[in-house]
mmCIF file of all heavy atoms, coordinates in Angstrom:
data_MODEL
# 
_entry.id   MODEL 
# 
loop_
_atom_site.group_PDB 
_atom_site.id 
_atom_site.type_symbol 
_atom_site.label_atom_id 
_atom_site.label_alt_id 
_atom_site.label_comp_id 
_atom_site.label_asym_id 
_atom_site.label_entity_id 
_atom_site.label_seq_id 
_atom_site.pdbx_PDB_ins_code 
_atom_site.Cartn_x 
_atom_site.Cartn_y 
_atom_site.Cartn_z 
_atom_site.occupancy 
_atom_site.B_iso_or_equiv 
_atom_site.pdbx_formal_charge 
_atom_site.auth_seq_id 
_atom_site.auth_comp_id 
_atom_site.auth_asym_id 
_atom_site.auth_atom_id 
_atom_site.pdbx_PDB_model_num 
ATOM 1   N N   . VAL A 1 1  ? 19.110 68.877 -18.802 1.00 0.00 ? 1  VAL A N   1 
ATOM 2   C CA  . VAL A 1 1  ? 17.820 68.319 -19.235 1.00 0.00 ? 1  VAL A CA  1 
ATOM 3   C C   . VAL A 1 1  ? 16.935 69.474 -19.666 1.00 0.00 ? 1  VAL A C   1 
ATOM 4   O O   . VAL A 1 1  ? 16.752 70.403 -18.851 1.00 0.00 ? 1  VAL A O   1 
ATOM 5   C CB  . VAL A 1 1  ? 17.195 67.555 -18.061 1.00 0.00 ? 1  VAL A CB  1 
ATOM 6   C CG1 . VAL A 1 1  ? 15.845 66.997 -18.481 1.00 0.00 ? 1  VAL A CG1 1 
ATOM 7   C CG2 . VAL A 1 1  ? 18.128 66.435 -17.552 1.00 0.00 ? 1  VAL A CG2 1 
ATOM 8   N N   . GLY A 1 2  ? 16.567 69.444 -20.932 1.00 0.00 ? 2  GLY A N   1 
ATOM 9   C CA  . GLY A 1 2  ? 15.736 70.547 -21.465 1.00 0.00 ? 2  GLY A CA  1 
ATOM 10  C C   . GLY A 1 2  ? 16.469 71.914 -21.385 1.00 0.00 ? 2  GLY A C   1 
ATOM 11  O O   . GLY A 1 2  ? 15.808 72.946 -21.177 1.00 0.00 ? 2  GLY A O   1 
ATOM 12  N N   . GLY A 1 3  ? 17.777 71.865 -21.543 1.00 0.00 ? 3  GLY A N   1 
ATOM 13  C CA  . GLY A 1 3  ? 18.531 73.120 -21.435 1.00 0.00 ? 3  GLY A CA  1 
ATOM 14  C C   . GLY A 1 3  ? 18.817 73.596 -20.042 1.00 0.00 ? 3  GLY A C   1 
ATOM 15  O O   . GLY A 1 3  ? 19.494 74.584 -19.876 1.00 0.00 ? 3  GLY A O   1 
ATOM 16  N N   . VAL A 1 4  ? 18.380 72.926 -19.018 1.00 0.00 ? 4  VAL A N   1 
ATOM 17  C CA  . VAL A 1 4  ? 18.586 73.307 -17.637 1.00 0.00 ? 4  VAL A CA  1 
ATOM 18  C C   . VAL A 1 4  ? 19.690 72.364 -17.063 1.00 0.00 ? 4  VAL A C   1 
ATOM 19  O O   . VAL A 1 4  ? 19.484 71.121 -17.106 1.00 0.00 ? 4  VAL A O   1 
ATOM 20  C CB  . VAL A 1 4  ? 17.296 73.140 -16.804 1.00 0.00 ? 4  VAL A CB  1 
ATOM 21  C CG1 . VAL A 1 4  ? 17.558 73.543 -15.342 1.00 0.00 ? 4  VAL A CG1 1 
ATOM 22  C CG2 . VAL A 1 4  ? 16.214 74.053 -17.401 1.00 0.00 ? 4  VAL A CG2 1 
ATOM 23  N N   . ALA A 1 5  ? 20.678 72.920 -16.499 1.00 0.00 ? 5  ALA A N   1 
ATOM 24  C CA  . ALA A 1 5  ? 21.810 72.099 -15.942 1.00 0.00 ? 5  ALA A CA  1 
ATOM 25  C C   . ALA A 1 5  ? 21.225 71.245 -14.744 1.00 0.00 ? 5  ALA A C   1 
ATOM 26  O O   . ALA A 1 5  ? 20.573 71.693 -13.902 1.00 0.00 ? 5  ALA A O   1 
ATOM 27  C CB  . ALA A 1 5  ? 22.881 72.990 -15.406 1.00 0.00 ? 5  ALA A CB  1 
ATOM 28  N N   . ALA A 1 6  ? 21.559 69.930 -14.879 1.00 0.00 ? 6  ALA A N   1 
ATOM 29  C CA  . ALA A 1 6  ? 21.287 69.101 -13.798 1.00 0.00 ? 6  ALA A CA  1 
ATOM 30  C C   . ALA A 1 6  ? 22.231 69.345 -12.632 1.00 0.00 ? 6  ALA A C   1 
ATOM 31  O O   . ALA A 1 6  ? 23.305 69.926 -12.872 1.00 0.00 ? 6  ALA A O   1 
ATOM 32  C CB  . ALA A 1 6  ? 21.415 67.629 -14.286 1.00 0.00 ? 6  ALA A CB  1 
ATOM 33  N N   . THR A 1 7  ? 21.793 69.024 -11.471 1.00 0.00 ? 7  THR A N   1 
ATOM 34  C CA  . THR A 1 7  ? 22.741 69.160 -10.329 1.00 0.00 ? 7  THR A CA  1 
ATOM 35  C C   . THR A 1 7  ? 24.021 68.306 -10.619 1.00 0.00 ? 7  THR A C   1 
ATOM 36  O O   . THR A 1 7  ? 24.020 67.462 -11.489 1.00 0.00 ? 7  THR A O   1 
ATOM 37  C CB  . THR A 1 7  ? 22.073 68.640 -9.050  1.00 0.00 ? 7  THR A CB  1 
ATOM 38  O OG1 . THR A 1 7  ? 21.670 67.257 -9.163  1.00 0.00 ? 7  THR A OG1 1 
ATOM 39  C CG2 . THR A 1 7  ? 20.874 69.474 -8.620  1.00 0.00 ? 7  THR A CG2 1 
ATOM 40  N N   . THR A 1 8  ? 25.048 68.657 -9.950  1.00 0.00 ? 8  THR A N   1 
ATOM 41  C CA  . THR A 1 8  ? 26.313 67.973 -10.167 1.00 0.00 ? 8  THR A CA  1 
ATOM 42  C C   . THR A 1 8  ? 26.018 66.506 -10.210 1.00 0.00 ? 8  THR A C   1 
ATOM 43  O O   . THR A 1 8  ? 25.429 65.908 -9.278  1.00 0.00 ? 8  THR A O   1 
ATOM 44  C CB  . THR A 1 8  ? 27.285 68.288 -9.077  1.00 0.00 ? 8  THR A CB  1 
ATOM 45  O OG1 . THR A 1 8  ? 27.524 69.685 -8.984  1.00 0.00 ? 8  THR A OG1 1 
ATOM 46  C CG2 . THR A 1 8  ? 28.657 67.585 -9.264  1.00 0.00 ? 8  THR A CG2 1 
ATOM 47  N N   . PRO A 1 9  ? 26.406 65.809 -11.328 1.00 0.00 ? 9  PRO A N   1 
ATOM 48  C CA  . PRO A 1 9  ? 26.117 64.343 -11.389 1.00 0.00 ? 9  PRO A CA  1 
ATOM 49  C C   . PRO A 1 9  ? 26.639 63.666 -10.144 1.00 0.00 ? 9  PRO A C   1 
ATOM 50  O O   . PRO A 1 9  ? 27.749 63.952 -9.607  1.00 0.00 ? 9  PRO A O   1 
ATOM 51  C CB  . PRO A 1 9  ? 26.860 63.946 -12.692 1.00 0.00 ? 9  PRO A CB  1 
ATOM 52  C CG  . PRO A 1 9  ? 26.881 65.155 -13.493 1.00 0.00 ? 9  PRO A CG  1 
ATOM 53  C CD  . PRO A 1 9  ? 27.007 66.297 -12.508 1.00 0.00 ? 9  PRO A CD  1 
ATOM 54  N N   . LEU A 1 10 ? 25.906 62.649 -9.692  1.00 0.00 ? 10 LEU A N   1 
ATOM 55  C CA  . LEU A 1 10 ? 26.249 61.873 -8.526  1.00 0.00 ? 10 LEU A CA  1 
ATOM 56  C C   . LEU A 1 10 ? 27.382 60.869 -8.827  1.00 0.00 ? 10 LEU A C   1 
ATOM 57  O O   . LEU A 1 10 ? 28.138 60.537 -7.979  1.00 0.00 ? 10 LEU A O   1 
ATOM 58  C CB  . LEU A 1 10 ? 25.059 61.130 -8.019  1.00 0.00 ? 10 LEU A CB  1 
ATOM 59  C CG  . LEU A 1 10 ? 23.810 62.025 -7.757  1.00 0.00 ? 10 LEU A CG  1 
ATOM 60  C CD1 . LEU A 1 10 ? 22.567 61.154 -7.483  1.00 0.00 ? 10 LEU A CD1 1 
ATOM 61  C CD2 . LEU A 1 10 ? 24.093 62.912 -6.547  1.00 0.00 ? 10 LEU A CD2 1 
ATOM 62  N N   . PHE A 1 11 ? 27.425 60.441 -10.101 1.00 0.00 ? 11 PHE A N   1 
ATOM 63  C CA  . PHE A 1 11 ? 28.501 59.534 -10.573 1.00 0.00 ? 11 PHE A CA  1 
ATOM 64  C C   . PHE A 1 11 ? 28.639 59.716 -12.031 1.00 0.00 ? 11 PHE A C   1 
ATOM 65  O O   . PHE A 1 11 ? 27.657 59.749 -12.803 1.00 0.00 ? 11 PHE A O   1 
ATOM 66  C CB  . PHE A 1 11 ? 28.158 58.069 -10.235 1.00 0.00 ? 11 PHE A CB  1 
ATOM 67  C CG  . PHE A 1 11 ? 29.085 57.075 -10.788 1.00 0.00 ? 11 PHE A CG  1 
ATOM 68  C CD1 . PHE A 1 11 ? 30.424 56.978 -10.359 1.00 0.00 ? 11 PHE A CD1 1 
ATOM 69  C CD2 . PHE A 1 11 ? 28.708 56.268 -11.894 1.00 0.00 ? 11 PHE A CD2 1 
ATOM 70  C CE1 . PHE A 1 11 ? 31.363 56.102 -10.896 1.00 0.00 ? 11 PHE A CE1 1 
ATOM 71  C CE2 . PHE A 1 11 ? 29.718 55.352 -12.432 1.00 0.00 ? 11 PHE A CE2 1 
ATOM 72  C CZ  . PHE A 1 11 ? 30.949 55.268 -11.918 1.00 0.00 ? 11 PHE A CZ  1 
ATOM 73  N N   . GLU A 1 12 ? 29.932 59.717 -12.433 1.00 0.00 ? 12 GLU A N   1 
ATOM 74  C CA  . GLU A 1 12 ? 30.325 59.701 -13.883 1.00 0.00 ? 12 GLU A CA  1 
ATOM 75  C C   . GLU A 1 12 ? 31.462 58.812 -14.026 1.00 0.00 ? 12 GLU A C   1 
ATOM 76  O O   . GLU A 1 12 ? 32.561 59.025 -13.417 1.00 0.00 ? 12 GLU A O   1 
ATOM 77  C CB  . GLU A 1 12 ? 30.746 61.113 -14.287 1.00 0.00 ? 12 GLU A CB  1 
ATOM 78  C CG  . GLU A 1 12 ? 29.799 62.220 -14.109 1.00 0.00 ? 12 GLU A CG  1 
ATOM 79  C CD  . GLU A 1 12 ? 30.478 63.578 -14.203 1.00 0.00 ? 12 GLU A CD  1 
ATOM 80  O OE1 . GLU A 1 12 ? 31.693 63.682 -13.875 1.00 0.00 ? 12 GLU A OE1 1 
ATOM 81  O OE2 . GLU A 1 12 ? 29.808 64.479 -14.581 1.00 0.00 ? 12 GLU A OE2 1 
ATOM 82  N N   . GLY A 1 13 ? 31.326 57.705 -14.742 1.00 0.00 ? 13 GLY A N   1 
ATOM 83  C CA  . GLY A 1 13 ? 32.438 56.755 -14.930 1.00 0.00 ? 13 GLY A CA  1 
ATOM 84  C C   . GLY A 1 13 ? 32.058 55.507 -15.608 1.00 0.00 ? 13 GLY A C   1 
ATOM 85  O O   . GLY A 1 13 ? 30.972 55.444 -16.255 1.00 0.00 ? 13 GLY A O   1 
ATOM 86  N N   . MET A 1 14 ? 32.962 54.537 -15.563 1.00 0.00 ? 14 MET A N   1 
ATOM 87  C CA  . MET A 1 14 ? 32.725 53.221 -16.168 1.00 0.00 ? 14 MET A CA  1 
ATOM 88  C C   . MET A 1 14 ? 31.565 52.544 -15.378 1.00 0.00 ? 14 MET A C   1 
ATOM 89  O O   . MET A 1 14 ? 31.626 52.537 -14.131 1.00 0.00 ? 14 MET A O   1 
ATOM 90  C CB  . MET A 1 14 ? 33.949 52.362 -16.185 1.00 0.00 ? 14 MET A CB  1 
ATOM 91  C CG  . MET A 1 14 ? 35.129 52.958 -16.944 1.00 0.00 ? 14 MET A CG  1 
ATOM 92  S SD  . MET A 1 14 ? 34.872 53.094 -18.726 1.00 0.00 ? 14 MET A SD  1 
ATOM 93  C CE  . MET A 1 14 ? 34.715 51.420 -19.219 1.00 0.00 ? 14 MET A CE  1 
ATOM 94  N N   . ALA A 1 15 ? 30.625 51.976 -16.123 1.00 0.00 ? 15 ALA A N   1 
ATOM 95  C CA  . ALA A 1 15 ? 29.518 51.234 -15.444 1.00 0.00 ? 15 ALA A CA  1 
ATOM 96  C C   . ALA A 1 15 ? 30.170 50.015 -14.792 1.00 0.00 ? 15 ALA A C   1 
ATOM 97  O O   . ALA A 1 15 ? 30.799 49.168 -15.548 1.00 0.00 ? 15 ALA A O   1 
ATOM 98  C CB  . ALA A 1 15 ? 28.479 50.859 -16.499 1.00 0.00 ? 15 ALA A CB  1 
ATOM 99  N N   . PRO A 1 16 ? 30.015 49.825 -13.528 1.00 0.00 ? 16 PRO A N   1 
ATOM 100 C CA  . PRO A 1 16 ? 30.623 48.659 -12.822 1.00 0.00 ? 16 PRO A CA  1 
ATOM 101 C C   . PRO A 1 16 ? 30.229 47.370 -13.455 1.00 0.00 ? 16 PRO A C   1 
ATOM 102 O O   . PRO A 1 16 ? 29.080 47.137 -13.765 1.00 0.00 ? 16 PRO A O   1 
ATOM 103 C CB  . PRO A 1 16 ? 30.044 48.785 -11.428 1.00 0.00 ? 16 PRO A CB  1 
ATOM 104 C CG  . PRO A 1 16 ? 29.725 50.165 -11.268 1.00 0.00 ? 16 PRO A CG  1 
ATOM 105 C CD  . PRO A 1 16 ? 29.220 50.671 -12.603 1.00 0.00 ? 16 PRO A CD  1 
ATOM 106 N N   . THR A 1 17 ? 31.310 46.549 -13.732 1.00 0.00 ? 17 THR A N   1 
ATOM 107 C CA  . THR A 1 17 ? 31.187 45.138 -14.219 1.00 0.00 ? 17 THR A CA  1 
ATOM 108 C C   . THR A 1 17 ? 30.800 45.078 -15.702 1.00 0.00 ? 17 THR A C   1 
ATOM 109 O O   . THR A 1 17 ? 30.528 43.998 -16.245 1.00 0.00 ? 17 THR A O   1 
ATOM 110 C CB  . THR A 1 17 ? 30.261 44.303 -13.385 1.00 0.00 ? 17 THR A CB  1 
ATOM 111 O OG1 . THR A 1 17 ? 28.920 44.599 -13.568 1.00 0.00 ? 17 THR A OG1 1 
ATOM 112 C CG2 . THR A 1 17 ? 30.601 44.309 -11.941 1.00 0.00 ? 17 THR A CG2 1 
ATOM 113 N N   . LEU A 1 18 ? 30.632 46.251 -16.436 1.00 0.00 ? 18 LEU A N   1 
ATOM 114 C CA  . LEU A 1 18 ? 30.208 46.207 -17.805 1.00 0.00 ? 18 LEU A CA  1 
ATOM 115 C C   . LEU A 1 18 ? 31.262 46.778 -18.713 1.00 0.00 ? 18 LEU A C   1 
ATOM 116 O O   . LEU A 1 18 ? 31.453 48.022 -18.698 1.00 0.00 ? 18 LEU A O   1 
ATOM 117 C CB  . LEU A 1 18 ? 28.855 47.016 -17.988 1.00 0.00 ? 18 LEU A CB  1 
ATOM 118 C CG  . LEU A 1 18 ? 27.704 46.423 -17.180 1.00 0.00 ? 18 LEU A CG  1 
ATOM 119 C CD1 . LEU A 1 18 ? 26.505 47.383 -17.223 1.00 0.00 ? 18 LEU A CD1 1 
ATOM 120 C CD2 . LEU A 1 18 ? 27.290 45.064 -17.646 1.00 0.00 ? 18 LEU A CD2 1 
ATOM 121 N N   . ALA A 1 19 ? 31.913 46.001 -19.443 1.00 0.00 ? 19 ALA A N   1 
ATOM 122 C CA  . ALA A 1 19 ? 33.059 46.389 -20.322 1.00 0.00 ? 19 ALA A CA  1 
ATOM 123 C C   . ALA A 1 19 ? 32.649 47.432 -21.356 1.00 0.00 ? 19 ALA A C   1 
ATOM 124 O O   . ALA A 1 19 ? 31.633 47.253 -22.059 1.00 0.00 ? 19 ALA A O   1 
ATOM 125 C CB  . ALA A 1 19 ? 33.727 45.199 -21.048 1.00 0.00 ? 19 ALA A CB  1 
ATOM 126 N N   . GLY A 1 20 ? 33.432 48.471 -21.544 1.00 0.00 ? 20 GLY A N   1 
ATOM 127 C CA  . GLY A 1 20 ? 33.224 49.451 -22.582 1.00 0.00 ? 20 GLY A CA  1 
ATOM 128 C C   . GLY A 1 20 ? 32.032 50.378 -22.402 1.00 0.00 ? 20 GLY A C   1 
ATOM 129 O O   . GLY A 1 20 ? 31.646 51.111 -23.343 1.00 0.00 ? 20 GLY A O   1 
ATOM 130 N N   . LEU A 1 21 ? 31.403 50.383 -21.254 1.00 0.00 ? 21 LEU A N   1 
ATOM 131 C CA  . LEU A 1 21 ? 30.189 51.111 -21.037 1.00 0.00 ? 21 LEU A CA  1 
ATOM 132 C C   . LEU A 1 21 ? 30.328 52.135 -19.927 1.00 0.00 ? 21 LEU A C   1 
ATOM 133 O O   . LEU A 1 21 ? 30.956 51.825 -18.847 1.00 0.00 ? 21 LEU A O   1 
ATOM 134 C CB  . LEU A 1 21 ? 28.977 50.181 -20.696 1.00 0.00 ? 21 LEU A CB  1 
ATOM 135 C CG  . LEU A 1 21 ? 27.654 50.783 -20.554 1.00 0.00 ? 21 LEU A CG  1 
ATOM 136 C CD1 . LEU A 1 21 ? 27.097 51.320 -21.902 1.00 0.00 ? 21 LEU A CD1 1 
ATOM 137 C CD2 . LEU A 1 21 ? 26.633 49.773 -20.028 1.00 0.00 ? 21 LEU A CD2 1 
ATOM 138 N N   . TYR A 1 22 ? 29.941 53.406 -20.194 1.00 0.00 ? 22 TYR A N   1 
ATOM 139 C CA  . TYR A 1 22 ? 29.980 54.437 -19.101 1.00 0.00 ? 22 TYR A CA  1 
ATOM 140 C C   . TYR A 1 22 ? 28.546 54.657 -18.554 1.00 0.00 ? 22 TYR A C   1 
ATOM 141 O O   . TYR A 1 22 ? 27.582 54.241 -19.191 1.00 0.00 ? 22 TYR A O   1 
ATOM 142 C CB  . TYR A 1 22 ? 30.419 55.745 -19.684 1.00 0.00 ? 22 TYR A CB  1 
ATOM 143 C CG  . TYR A 1 22 ? 31.871 55.774 -20.099 1.00 0.00 ? 22 TYR A CG  1 
ATOM 144 C CD1 . TYR A 1 22 ? 32.283 55.347 -21.371 1.00 0.00 ? 22 TYR A CD1 1 
ATOM 145 C CD2 . TYR A 1 22 ? 32.830 56.251 -19.272 1.00 0.00 ? 22 TYR A CD2 1 
ATOM 146 C CE1 . TYR A 1 22 ? 33.637 55.374 -21.795 1.00 0.00 ? 22 TYR A CE1 1 
ATOM 147 C CE2 . TYR A 1 22 ? 34.253 56.295 -19.618 1.00 0.00 ? 22 TYR A CE2 1 
ATOM 148 C CZ  . TYR A 1 22 ? 34.570 55.816 -20.893 1.00 0.00 ? 22 TYR A CZ  1 
ATOM 149 O OH  . TYR A 1 22 ? 35.915 55.869 -21.270 1.00 0.00 ? 22 TYR A OH  1 
ATOM 150 N N   . GLN A 1 23 ? 28.572 55.265 -17.396 1.00 0.00 ? 23 GLN A N   1 
ATOM 151 C CA  . GLN A 1 23 ? 27.259 55.514 -16.726 1.00 0.00 ? 23 GLN A CA  1 
ATOM 152 C C   . GLN A 1 23 ? 27.340 56.895 -16.112 1.00 0.00 ? 23 GLN A C   1 
ATOM 153 O O   . GLN A 1 23 ? 28.390 57.276 -15.516 1.00 0.00 ? 23 GLN A O   1 
ATOM 154 C CB  . GLN A 1 23 ? 27.070 54.425 -15.672 1.00 0.00 ? 23 GLN A CB  1 
ATOM 155 C CG  . GLN A 1 23 ? 25.806 54.678 -14.774 1.00 0.00 ? 23 GLN A CG  1 
ATOM 156 C CD  . GLN A 1 23 ? 25.693 53.519 -13.789 1.00 0.00 ? 23 GLN A CD  1 
ATOM 157 O OE1 . GLN A 1 23 ? 26.153 52.465 -14.012 1.00 0.00 ? 23 GLN A OE1 1 
ATOM 158 N NE2 . GLN A 1 23 ? 24.959 53.823 -12.667 1.00 0.00 ? 23 GLN A NE2 1 
ATOM 159 N N   . ILE A 1 24 ? 26.279 57.677 -16.147 1.00 0.00 ? 24 ILE A N   1 
ATOM 160 C CA  . ILE A 1 24 ? 26.117 58.973 -15.404 1.00 0.00 ? 24 ILE A CA  1 
ATOM 161 C C   . ILE A 1 24 ? 24.848 58.820 -14.594 1.00 0.00 ? 24 ILE A C   1 
ATOM 162 O O   . ILE A 1 24 ? 23.784 58.461 -15.096 1.00 0.00 ? 24 ILE A O   1 
ATOM 163 C CB  . ILE A 1 24 ? 26.094 60.134 -16.355 1.00 0.00 ? 24 ILE A CB  1 
ATOM 164 C CG1 . ILE A 1 24 ? 27.358 60.306 -17.174 1.00 0.00 ? 24 ILE A CG1 1 
ATOM 165 C CG2 . ILE A 1 24 ? 25.785 61.436 -15.582 1.00 0.00 ? 24 ILE A CG2 1 
ATOM 166 C CD1 . ILE A 1 24 ? 27.281 61.404 -18.198 1.00 0.00 ? 24 ILE A CD1 1 
ATOM 167 N N   . ASP A 1 25 ? 24.932 59.227 -13.330 1.00 0.00 ? 25 ASP A N   1 
ATOM 168 C CA  . ASP A 1 25 ? 23.791 59.209 -12.422 1.00 0.00 ? 25 ASP A CA  1 
ATOM 169 C C   . ASP A 1 25 ? 23.558 60.697 -12.076 1.00 0.00 ? 25 ASP A C   1 
ATOM 170 O O   . ASP A 1 25 ? 24.464 61.377 -11.619 1.00 0.00 ? 25 ASP A O   1 
ATOM 171 C CB  . ASP A 1 25 ? 24.048 58.381 -11.165 1.00 0.00 ? 25 ASP A CB  1 
ATOM 172 C CG  . ASP A 1 25 ? 24.305 56.946 -11.438 1.00 0.00 ? 25 ASP A CG  1 
ATOM 173 O OD1 . ASP A 1 25 ? 23.945 56.426 -12.538 1.00 0.00 ? 25 ASP A OD1 1 
ATOM 174 O OD2 . ASP A 1 25 ? 24.877 56.253 -10.643 1.00 0.00 ? 25 ASP A OD2 1 
ATOM 175 N N   . PHE A 1 26 ? 22.314 61.171 -12.208 1.00 0.00 ? 26 PHE A N   1 
ATOM 176 C CA  . PHE A 1 26 ? 21.956 62.492 -11.892 1.00 0.00 ? 26 PHE A CA  1 
ATOM 177 C C   . PHE A 1 26 ? 20.493 62.639 -11.480 1.00 0.00 ? 26 PHE A C   1 
ATOM 178 O O   . PHE A 1 26 ? 19.749 61.687 -11.658 1.00 0.00 ? 26 PHE A O   1 
ATOM 179 C CB  . PHE A 1 26 ? 22.335 63.514 -13.040 1.00 0.00 ? 26 PHE A CB  1 
ATOM 180 C CG  . PHE A 1 26 ? 21.481 63.173 -14.303 1.00 0.00 ? 26 PHE A CG  1 
ATOM 181 C CD1 . PHE A 1 26 ? 20.335 63.886 -14.529 1.00 0.00 ? 26 PHE A CD1 1 
ATOM 182 C CD2 . PHE A 1 26 ? 21.906 62.212 -15.236 1.00 0.00 ? 26 PHE A CD2 1 
ATOM 183 C CE1 . PHE A 1 26 ? 19.596 63.648 -15.664 1.00 0.00 ? 26 PHE A CE1 1 
ATOM 184 C CE2 . PHE A 1 26 ? 21.205 61.934 -16.299 1.00 0.00 ? 26 PHE A CE2 1 
ATOM 185 C CZ  . PHE A 1 26 ? 19.994 62.654 -16.578 1.00 0.00 ? 26 PHE A CZ  1 
ATOM 186 N N   . THR A 1 27 ? 20.117 63.798 -11.013 1.00 0.00 ? 27 THR A N   1 
ATOM 187 C CA  . THR A 1 27 ? 18.662 64.053 -10.738 1.00 0.00 ? 27 THR A CA  1 
ATOM 188 C C   . THR A 1 27 ? 18.167 65.084 -11.726 1.00 0.00 ? 27 THR A C   1 
ATOM 189 O O   . THR A 1 27 ? 18.933 65.936 -12.199 1.00 0.00 ? 27 THR A O   1 
ATOM 190 C CB  . THR A 1 27 ? 18.509 64.530 -9.249  1.00 0.00 ? 27 THR A CB  1 
ATOM 191 O OG1 . THR A 1 27 ? 19.321 65.673 -9.026  1.00 0.00 ? 27 THR A OG1 1 
ATOM 192 C CG2 . THR A 1 27 ? 18.854 63.455 -8.310  1.00 0.00 ? 27 THR A CG2 1 
# 
């Protein structure tokens, strides 16, 4: 974010129950 590495993403993968969509959760 703004060239600063986010902490290790909390989740990276397929968005649950949503076909063809990925999701990344981070702070």
